[in-house]
C-alpha atoms as a PDB file:
ATOM      1  CA  ARG A   1      -5.305 -29.869  -1.590  1.00  0.00           C
ATOM      2  CA  GLU A   2      -8.540 -30.676  -0.065  1.00  0.00           C
ATOM      3  CA  THR A   3     -11.783 -29.929  -2.137  1.00  0.00           C
ATOM      4  CA  LEU A   4     -14.622 -32.352  -0.768  1.00  0.00           C
ATOM      5  CA  TRP A   5     -14.745 -34.148   2.760  1.00  0.00           C
ATOM      6  CA  THR A   6     -17.104 -35.587   5.465  1.00  0.00           C
ATOM      7  CA  SER A   7     -17.210 -35.156   9.037  1.00  0.00           C
ATOM      8  CA  VAL A   8     -18.284 -37.320  12.722  1.00  0.00           C
ATOM      9  CA  GLY A   9     -17.971 -35.150  15.648  1.00  0.00           C
ATOM     10  CA  MET A  10     -18.996 -34.689  19.208  1.00  0.00           C
ATOM     11  CA  ALA A  11     -19.399 -31.079  21.463  1.00  0.00           C
ATOM     12  CA  ALA A  12     -20.007 -30.439  25.161  1.00  0.00           C
ATOM     13  CA  GLY A  13     -20.497 -27.021  26.454  1.00  0.00           C
ATOM     14  CA  THR A  14     -22.956 -25.129  28.507  1.00  0.00           C
ATOM     15  CA  TYR A  15     -25.843 -22.615  27.965  1.00  0.00           C
ATOM     16  CA  ASN A  16     -27.969 -19.851  29.778  1.00  0.00           C
ATOM     17  CA  PRO A  17     -31.115 -18.542  28.952  1.00  0.00           C
ATOM     18  CA  VAL A  18     -31.547 -14.482  28.340  1.00  0.00           C
ATOM     19  CA  ILE A  19     -34.814 -14.330  29.853  1.00  0.00           C
ATOM     20  CA  ALA A  20     -36.458 -11.144  28.010  1.00  0.00           C
ATOM     21  CA  SER A  21     -40.158 -12.032  29.976  1.00  0.00           C
ATOM     22  CA  ALA A  22     -40.998 -14.918  32.644  1.00  0.00           C
ATOM     23  CA  SER A  23     -44.255 -13.334  33.991  1.00  0.00           C
ATOM     24  CA  GLY A  24     -46.298 -16.237  32.294  1.00  0.00           C
ATOM     25  CA  ALA A  25     -44.752 -18.794  34.221  1.00  0.00           C
ATOM     26  CA  ARG A  26     -45.523 -16.712  37.560  1.00  0.00           C
ATOM     27  CA  ALA A  27     -48.959 -15.082  36.392  1.00  0.00           C
ATOM     28  CA  ALA A  28     -50.212 -18.580  35.108  1.00  0.00           C
ATOM     29  CA  PHE A  29     -49.723 -20.751  38.054  1.00  0.00           C
ATOM     30  CA  ALA A  30     -51.151 -18.515  40.397  1.00  0.00           C
ATOM     31  CA  MET A  31     -55.156 -19.518  40.073  1.00  0.00           C
ATOM     32  CA  ASP A  32     -56.663 -22.283  43.175  1.00  0.00           C
ATOM     33  CA  GLY A  33     -59.067 -24.690  41.550  1.00  0.00           C
ATOM     34  CA  SER A  34     -61.788 -22.555  40.394  1.00  0.00           C
ATOM     35  CA  GLY A  35     -59.068 -20.238  38.646  1.00  0.00           C
ATOM     36  CA  SER A  36     -59.278 -17.296  40.608  1.00  0.00           C
ATOM     37  CA  LEU A  37     -56.159 -15.916  41.911  1.00  0.00           C
ATOM     38  CA  THR A  38     -55.310 -16.296  45.556  1.00  0.00           C
ATOM     39  CA  ASN A  39     -52.848 -15.198  47.853  1.00  0.00           C
ATOM     40  CA  ALA A  40     -52.357 -18.094  49.638  1.00  0.00           C
ATOM     41  CA  GLN A  41     -51.667 -19.935  46.406  1.00  0.00           C
ATOM     42  CA  VAL A  42     -48.938 -17.668  44.190  1.00  0.00           C
ATOM     43  CA  VAL A  43     -46.592 -19.908  42.972  1.00  0.00           C
ATOM     44  CA  ASN A  44     -43.789 -19.534  40.712  1.00  0.00           C
ATOM     45  CA  LEU A  45     -41.810 -21.652  37.909  1.00  0.00           C
ATOM     46  CA  SER A  46     -40.139 -19.317  36.399  1.00  0.00           C
ATOM     47  CA  ASN A  47     -37.121 -21.403  37.439  1.00  0.00           C
ATOM     48  CA  GLN A  48     -37.396 -23.792  34.996  1.00  0.00           C
ATOM     49  CA  VAL A  49     -37.060 -20.946  32.251  1.00  0.00           C
ATOM     50  CA  GLU A  50     -34.211 -19.535  34.050  1.00  0.00           C
ATOM     51  CA  ALA A  51     -32.006 -22.057  34.715  1.00  0.00           C
ATOM     52  CA  SER A  52     -28.803 -22.866  33.162  1.00  0.00           C
ATOM     53  CA  GLY A  53     -26.948 -25.606  32.708  1.00  0.00           C
ATOM     54  CA  TYR A  54     -24.633 -27.848  30.072  1.00  0.00           C
ATOM     55  CA  SER A  55     -25.150 -29.131  26.886  1.00  0.00           C
ATOM     56  CA  PHE A  56     -23.832 -32.294  24.331  1.00  0.00           C
ATOM     57  CA  SER A  57     -24.616 -33.096  20.590  1.00  0.00           C
ATOM     58  CA  SER A  58     -23.416 -34.976  17.745  1.00  0.00           C
ATOM     59  CA  GLY A  59     -23.741 -35.299  13.854  1.00  0.00           C
ATOM     60  CA  VAL A  60     -22.195 -35.653  10.915  1.00  0.00           C
ATOM     61  CA  SER A  61     -21.618 -32.986   7.772  1.00  0.00           C
ATOM     62  CA  VAL A  62     -20.458 -32.900   4.665  1.00  0.00           C
ATOM     63  CA  GLY A  63     -18.263 -30.043   3.121  1.00  0.00           C
ATOM     64  CA  GLY A  64     -16.280 -28.626   0.587  1.00  0.00           C
ATOM     65  CA  LYS A  65     -14.616 -25.596  -0.975  1.00  0.00           C
ATOM     66  CA  VAL A  66     -16.058 -23.331  -3.183  1.00  0.00           C
ATOM     67  CA  ALA A  67     -13.609 -20.712  -3.884  1.00  0.00           C
ATOM     68  CA  ASP A  68      -9.557 -20.634  -2.870  1.00  0.00           C
ATOM     69  CA  ARG A  69     -10.355 -19.888   0.867  1.00  0.00           C
ATOM     70  CA  TRP A  70     -13.887 -20.566   1.295  1.00  0.00           C
ATOM     71  CA  ILE A  71     -15.730 -23.316   2.067  1.00  0.00           C
ATOM     72  CA  VAL A  72     -19.234 -24.448   2.665  1.00  0.00           C
ATOM     73  CA  GLN A  73     -20.330 -27.284   4.988  1.00  0.00           C
ATOM     74  CA  GLY A  74     -23.602 -29.086   6.307  1.00  0.00           C
ATOM     75  CA  GLY A  75     -24.997 -31.736   8.312  1.00  0.00           C
ATOM     76  CA  VAL A  76     -27.376 -32.869  10.947  1.00  0.00           C
ATOM     77  CA  ASN A  77     -27.027 -32.774  14.409  1.00  0.00           C
ATOM     78  CA  TYR A  78     -28.721 -34.315  17.575  1.00  0.00           C
ATOM     79  CA  LEU A  79     -28.540 -31.978  20.742  1.00  0.00           C
ATOM     80  CA  THR A  80     -29.326 -32.390  24.362  1.00  0.00           C
ATOM     81  CA  GLN A  81     -29.396 -29.375  27.080  1.00  0.00           C
ATOM     82  CA  ASN A  82     -29.793 -30.178  30.443  1.00  0.00           C
ATOM     83  CA  SER A  83     -30.373 -28.415  33.836  1.00  0.00           C
ATOM     84  CA  THR A  84     -31.885 -28.665  37.385  1.00  0.00           C
ATOM     85  CA  TYR A  85     -33.486 -26.132  39.018  1.00  0.00           C
ATOM     86  CA  ASN A  86     -35.901 -25.714  42.386  1.00  0.00           C
ATOM     87  CA  SER A  87     -39.186 -25.909  41.669  1.00  0.00           C
ATOM     88  CA  ASN A  88     -41.825 -24.924  44.447  1.00  0.00           C
ATOM     89  CA  ALA A  89     -45.237 -26.452  42.764  1.00  0.00           C
ATOM     90  CA  VAL A  90     -47.216 -29.475  42.542  1.00  0.00           C
ATOM     91  CA  LEU A  91     -50.034 -29.829  40.252  1.00  0.00           C
ATOM     92  CA  VAL A  92     -53.186 -31.445  41.728  1.00  0.00           C
ATOM     93  CA  ASP A  93     -55.489 -33.441  39.608  1.00  0.00           C
ATOM     94  CA  GLY A  94     -59.192 -34.376  39.427  1.00  0.00           C
ATOM     95  CA  ALA A  95     -58.885 -37.590  42.108  1.00  0.00           C
ATOM     96  CA  ASN A  96     -56.279 -34.818  44.268  1.00  0.00           C
ATOM     97  CA  ASN A  97     -53.192 -36.986  42.855  1.00  0.00           C
ATOM     98  CA  PHE A  98     -49.896 -34.512  43.130  1.00  0.00           C
ATOM     99  CA  LYS A  99     -48.070 -34.297  40.014  1.00  0.00           C
ATOM    100  CA  LEU A 100     -44.743 -31.822  39.081  1.00  0.00           C
ATOM    101  CA  ALA A 101     -45.826 -29.167  37.868  1.00  0.00           C
ATOM    102  CA  SER A 102     -44.130 -27.461  35.239  1.00  0.00           C
ATOM    103  CA  LEU A 103     -44.782 -25.286  31.519  1.00  0.00           C
ATOM    104  CA  ASN A 104     -45.010 -28.843  30.017  1.00  0.00           C
ATOM    105  CA  THR A 105     -48.646 -30.055  32.245  1.00  0.00           C
ATOM    106  CA  PHE A 106     -49.840 -26.538  32.337  1.00  0.00           C
ATOM    107  CA  SER A 107     -49.576 -26.148  28.386  1.00  0.00           C
ATOM    108  CA  ARG A 108     -51.907 -30.334  28.400  1.00  0.00           C
ATOM    109  CA  GLU A 109     -55.645 -29.730  27.719  1.00  0.00           C
ATOM    110  CA  SER A 110     -56.056 -32.848  29.859  1.00  0.00           C
ATOM    111  CA  TYR A 111     -55.219 -30.588  32.904  1.00  0.00           C
ATOM    112  CA  GLY A 112     -57.138 -28.236  32.386  1.00  0.00           C
ATOM    113  CA  ALA A 113     -59.737 -29.168  34.966  1.00  0.00           C
ATOM    114  CA  ALA A 114     -56.362 -29.194  37.636  1.00  0.00           C
ATOM    115  CA  PHE A 115     -55.330 -26.291  39.364  1.00  0.00           C
ATOM    116  CA  TYR A 116     -51.730 -25.639  41.096  1.00  0.00           C
ATOM    117  CA  GLN A 117     -50.488 -24.623  44.747  1.00  0.00           C
ATOM    118  CA  ALA A 118     -47.506 -23.988  46.317  1.00  0.00           C
ATOM    119  CA  SER A 119     -45.619 -27.086  47.829  1.00  0.00           C
ATOM    120  CA  SER A 120     -41.972 -27.305  49.739  1.00  0.00           C
ATOM    121  CA  PRO A 121     -39.273 -26.763  47.354  1.00  0.00           C
ATOM    122  CA  TYR A 122     -38.009 -30.155  45.250  1.00  0.00           C
ATOM    123  CA  THR A 123     -35.437 -30.631  42.571  1.00  0.00           C
ATOM    124  CA  VAL A 124     -36.382 -31.153  38.796  1.00  0.00           C
ATOM    125  CA  SER A 125     -33.852 -32.432  36.359  1.00  0.00           C
ATOM    126  CA  SER A 126     -34.954 -31.303  32.707  1.00  0.00           C
ATOM    127  CA  SER A 127     -33.387 -32.218  29.478  1.00  0.00           C
ATOM    128  CA  LEU A 128     -34.717 -30.647  25.849  1.00  0.00           C
ATOM    129  CA  GLN A 129     -33.684 -32.335  22.892  1.00  0.00           C
ATOM    130  CA  TYR A 130     -33.319 -31.069  19.096  1.00  0.00           C
ATOM    131  CA  PHE A 131     -32.980 -32.054  16.135  1.00  0.00           C
ATOM    132  CA  ASN A 132     -30.531 -29.671  13.893  1.00  0.00           C
ATOM    133  CA  ILE A 133     -29.702 -29.132  10.216  1.00  0.00           C
ATOM    134  CA  PRO A 134     -27.079 -26.661  10.376  1.00  0.00           C
ATOM    135  CA  LEU A 135     -25.525 -24.696   7.005  1.00  0.00           C
ATOM    136  CA  GLN A 136     -22.366 -22.509   7.754  1.00  0.00           C
ATOM    137  CA  ALA A 137     -19.750 -20.760   5.615  1.00  0.00           C
ATOM    138  CA  GLY A 138     -15.885 -20.462   6.467  1.00  0.00           C
ATOM    139  CA  TYR A 139     -12.796 -18.434   5.532  1.00  0.00           C
ATOM    140  CA  LEU A 140      -9.464 -20.641   5.716  1.00  0.00           C
ATOM    141  CA  ILE A 141      -7.338 -17.909   7.280  1.00  0.00           C
ATOM    142  CA  ILE A 142      -4.279 -20.591   7.354  1.00  0.00           C
ATOM    143  CA  ASN A 143      -4.755 -23.285   4.497  1.00  0.00           C
ATOM    144  CA  LYS A 144      -2.023 -26.106   5.421  1.00  0.00           C
ATOM    145  CA  ASP A 145      -1.563 -29.253   7.088  1.00  0.00           C
ATOM    146  CA  PHE A 146      -2.550 -27.275   9.877  1.00  0.00           C
ATOM    147  CA  GLY A 147      -5.510 -25.074   9.796  1.00  0.00           C
ATOM    148  CA  TRP A 148      -7.135 -22.255  11.287  1.00  0.00           C
ATOM    149  CA  GLN A 149     -10.922 -21.400   9.522  1.00  0.00           C
ATOM    150  CA  LEU A 150     -13.684 -19.190  10.991  1.00  0.00           C
ATOM    151  CA  GLN A 151     -16.868 -19.783  10.387  1.00  0.00           C
ATOM    152  CA  GLY A 152     -20.859 -18.629  10.974  1.00  0.00           C
ATOM    153  CA  GLY A 153     -24.185 -19.381   9.428  1.00  0.00           C
ATOM    154  CA  ILE A 154     -27.392 -20.994  10.550  1.00  0.00           C
ATOM    155  CA  SER A 155     -29.192 -23.820  11.824  1.00  0.00           C
ATOM    156  CA  THR A 156     -32.870 -25.164  11.574  1.00  0.00           C
ATOM    157  CA  ASP A 157     -33.863 -26.341  15.187  1.00  0.00           C
ATOM    158  CA  PHE A 158     -36.221 -29.215  15.383  1.00  0.00           C
ATOM    159  CA  PHE A 159     -37.695 -29.313  18.856  1.00  0.00           C
ATOM    160  CA  LEU A 160     -38.431 -33.433  19.755  1.00  0.00           C
ATOM    161  CA  GLN A 161     -39.428 -33.287  23.451  1.00  0.00           C
ATOM    162  CA  ASN A 162     -38.200 -31.970  27.037  1.00  0.00           C
ATOM    163  CA  THR A 163     -38.299 -34.478  29.715  1.00  0.00           C
ATOM    164  CA  LEU A 164     -38.724 -33.872  33.279  1.00  0.00           C
ATOM    165  CA  SER A 165     -38.109 -35.485  35.896  1.00  0.00           C
ATOM    166  CA  ALA A 166     -38.020 -35.172  40.486  1.00  0.00           C
ATOM    167  CA  GLU A 167     -37.533 -38.805  41.288  1.00  0.00           C
ATOM    168  CA  ASP A 168     -36.114 -37.971  44.681  1.00  0.00           C
ATOM    169  CA  ALA A 169     -39.897 -36.303  45.249  1.00  0.00           C
ATOM    170  CA  GLY A 170     -41.981 -39.067  44.387  1.00  0.00           C
ATOM    171  CA  PHE A 171     -42.833 -37.634  41.018  1.00  0.00           C
ATOM    172  CA  ASP A 172     -43.325 -39.958  37.590  1.00  0.00           C
ATOM    173  CA  LYS A 173     -41.478 -38.030  34.433  1.00  0.00           C
ATOM    174  CA  VAL A 174     -43.545 -35.974  32.695  1.00  0.00           C
ATOM    175  CA  SER A 175     -42.385 -35.296  29.033  1.00  0.00           C
ATOM    176  CA  GLN A 176     -43.896 -32.843  26.105  1.00  0.00           C
ATOM    177  CA  GLY A 177     -43.455 -33.075  22.836  1.00  0.00           C
ATOM    178  CA  GLY A 178     -44.481 -30.970  19.855  1.00  0.00           C
ATOM    179  CA  GLY A 179     -47.610 -29.522  18.396  1.00  0.00           C
ATOM    180  CA  ASP A 180     -50.318 -27.249  19.487  1.00  0.00           C
ATOM    181  CA  ALA A 181     -50.833 -28.401  23.404  1.00  0.00           C
ATOM    182  CA  SER A 182     -46.490 -27.580  24.032  1.00  0.00           C
ATOM    183  CA  PRO A 183     -45.446 -24.249  25.266  1.00  0.00           C
ATOM    184  CA  TYR A 184     -42.246 -24.708  22.762  1.00  0.00           C
ATOM    185  CA  ARG A 185     -41.775 -23.954  18.914  1.00  0.00           C
ATOM    186  CA  THR A 186     -41.701 -27.158  16.794  1.00  0.00           C
ATOM    187  CA  VAL A 187     -39.005 -25.172  14.298  1.00  0.00           C
ATOM    188  CA  ASN A 188     -37.013 -22.558  15.297  1.00  0.00           C
ATOM    189  CA  PHE A 189     -33.581 -20.911  13.738  1.00  0.00           C
ATOM    190  CA  SER A 190     -30.258 -20.217  15.105  1.00  0.00           C
ATOM    191  CA  GLY A 191     -27.333 -18.705  14.287  1.00  0.00           C
ATOM    192  CA  LEU A 192     -24.228 -20.181  14.446  1.00  0.00           C
ATOM    193  CA  ILE A 193     -20.446 -18.503  15.128  1.00  0.00           C
ATOM    194  CA  GLY A 194     -17.295 -20.376  15.782  1.00  0.00           C
ATOM    195  CA  THR A 195     -13.883 -20.884  14.792  1.00  0.00           C
ATOM    196  CA  GLU A 196     -11.982 -24.134  14.053  1.00  0.00           C
ATOM    197  CA  VAL A 197      -8.449 -25.031  14.667  1.00  0.00           C
ATOM    198  CA  SER A 198      -7.263 -28.212  12.655  1.00  0.00           C
ATOM    199  CA  TYR A 199      -4.511 -30.553  11.602  1.00  0.00           C
ATOM    200  CA  ARG A 200      -3.891 -32.724   8.537  1.00  0.00           C
ATOM    201  CA  PHE A 201      -2.554 -36.421   9.157  1.00  0.00           C
ATOM    202  CA  GLY A 202      -2.204 -38.985   6.779  1.00  0.00           C
ATOM    203  CA  GLU A 203      -3.695 -38.671   2.756  1.00  0.00           C
ATOM    204  CA  HIS A 204      -7.267 -38.774   3.922  1.00  0.00           C
ATOM    205  CA  TYR A 205      -7.372 -37.650   7.529  1.00  0.00           C
ATOM    206  CA  ARG A 206      -7.846 -34.430   9.573  1.00  0.00           C
ATOM    207  CA  VAL A 207      -8.922 -33.748  13.634  1.00  0.00           C
ATOM    208  CA  ALA A 208     -10.129 -30.513  14.288  1.00  0.00           C
ATOM    209  CA  ILE A 209     -11.120 -28.693  17.092  1.00  0.00           C
ATOM    210  CA  ASN A 210     -14.328 -26.333  16.675  1.00  0.00           C
ATOM    211  CA  PRO A 211     -15.245 -23.971  20.008  1.00  0.00           C
ATOM    212  CA  GLY A 212     -18.179 -22.050  18.991  1.00  0.00           C
ATOM    213  CA  PHE A 213     -21.638 -19.617  20.025  1.00  0.00           C
ATOM    214  CA  ARG A 214     -25.041 -21.154  19.141  1.00  0.00           C
ATOM    215  CA  TYR A 215     -28.161 -18.326  19.883  1.00  0.00           C
ATOM    216  CA  PRO A 216     -31.525 -18.637  18.927  1.00  0.00           C
ATOM    217  CA  LEU A 217     -33.065 -15.592  16.776  1.00  0.00           C
ATOM    218  CA  GLN A 218     -36.498 -16.131  18.691  1.00  0.00           C
ATOM    219  CA  SER A 219     -37.868 -17.208  21.736  1.00  0.00           C
ATOM    220  CA  VAL A 220     -37.760 -20.811  22.027  1.00  0.00           C
ATOM    221  CA  TYR A 221     -41.295 -20.556  23.656  1.00  0.00           C
ATOM    222  CA  LYS A 222     -44.292 -19.606  21.996  1.00  0.00           C
ATOM    223  CA  SER A 223     -45.859 -16.170  22.515  1.00  0.00           C
ATOM    224  CA  ASP A 224     -48.769 -17.224  24.306  1.00  0.00           C
ATOM    225  CA  THR A 225     -46.982 -19.027  26.877  1.00  0.00           C
ATOM    226  CA  GLY A 226     -46.110 -15.502  28.108  1.00  0.00           C
ATOM    227  CA  VAL A 227     -42.554 -16.529  28.713  1.00  0.00           C
ATOM    228  CA  SER A 228     -39.770 -15.670  26.286  1.00  0.00           C
ATOM    229  CA  ALA A 229     -36.348 -16.826  26.408  1.00  0.00           C
ATOM    230  CA  ALA A 230     -33.237 -17.585  24.375  1.00  0.00           C
ATOM    231  CA  PRO A 231     -30.452 -19.649  25.456  1.00  0.00           C
ATOM    232  CA  ILE A 232     -27.279 -18.682  24.758  1.00  0.00           C
ATOM    233  CA  MET A 233     -25.074 -21.637  24.072  1.00  0.00           C
ATOM    234  CA  PHE A 234     -20.998 -21.928  24.145  1.00  0.00           C
ATOM    235  CA  ASP A 235     -19.659 -25.755  23.434  1.00  0.00           C
ATOM    236  CA  VAL A 236     -16.290 -27.081  22.476  1.00  0.00           C
ATOM    237  CA  GLY A 237     -16.660 -29.901  19.502  1.00  0.00           C
ATOM    238  CA  LEU A 238     -13.785 -32.796  18.294  1.00  0.00           C
ATOM    239  CA  LYS A 239     -14.554 -33.128  14.601  1.00  0.00           C
ATOM    240  CA  PHE A 240     -12.931 -36.058  12.329  1.00  0.00           C
ATOM    241  CA  HIS A 241     -12.737 -35.419   8.838  1.00  0.00           C
ATOM    242  CA  TYR A 242     -12.461 -37.935   6.058  1.00  0.00           C
ATOM    243  CA  ILE A 243     -11.206 -36.293   2.883  1.00  0.00           C
ATOM    244  CA  PHE A 244     -12.546 -37.954  -0.482  1.00  0.00           C
ATOM    245  CA  ARG A 245     -10.242 -35.344  -2.610  1.00  0.00           C
END
């Protein structure tokens, strides 16, 4: 019988943005130095929003039984979402220097005097980083040395930063954290649903495989950006449990 345990694990998978609106990523950058729309400088940065990619997470958790077949578990995780996309715009600052254009740079007040213009396509690598606090409930369908459970819950997601790089194109990295100037919500909530297949070996150890889905309950972007996207993520995790009792 197992009533209290701790776990360490990691997971890898894919994520795909579900776009409700990306009009802000198109219209916001269709401006010249005076802020006026021009046919010659209509550029499109929606590729940053629409890019799919892969994810990686790691973390620790504590779980326990609250009834014969019901469990509750929670913990902390570090999550990254990585993707690549093509951009066709550059940022031109007051000194006529060209920089990587993105939703990140557009949201910064320090770039208020800068403008964007169309360019030859170049490849950008994006890395989104989050700190997650998941809380889940599970039901044990098979409760033996071989175990199988269904689980679901909610995760509180704290945005850390987004880092963009286009070194092959000669641009410096661009990093954007949270705060008022960021296009990303500082705190978001995600629904979790998945399953766990495990095997107990020895008195204190169990190894488990965890396929699961994560879906944001609202857009990861702030409403005033004109962009709405909620990336759905599927991953497969590997966990090692240490059973206290």
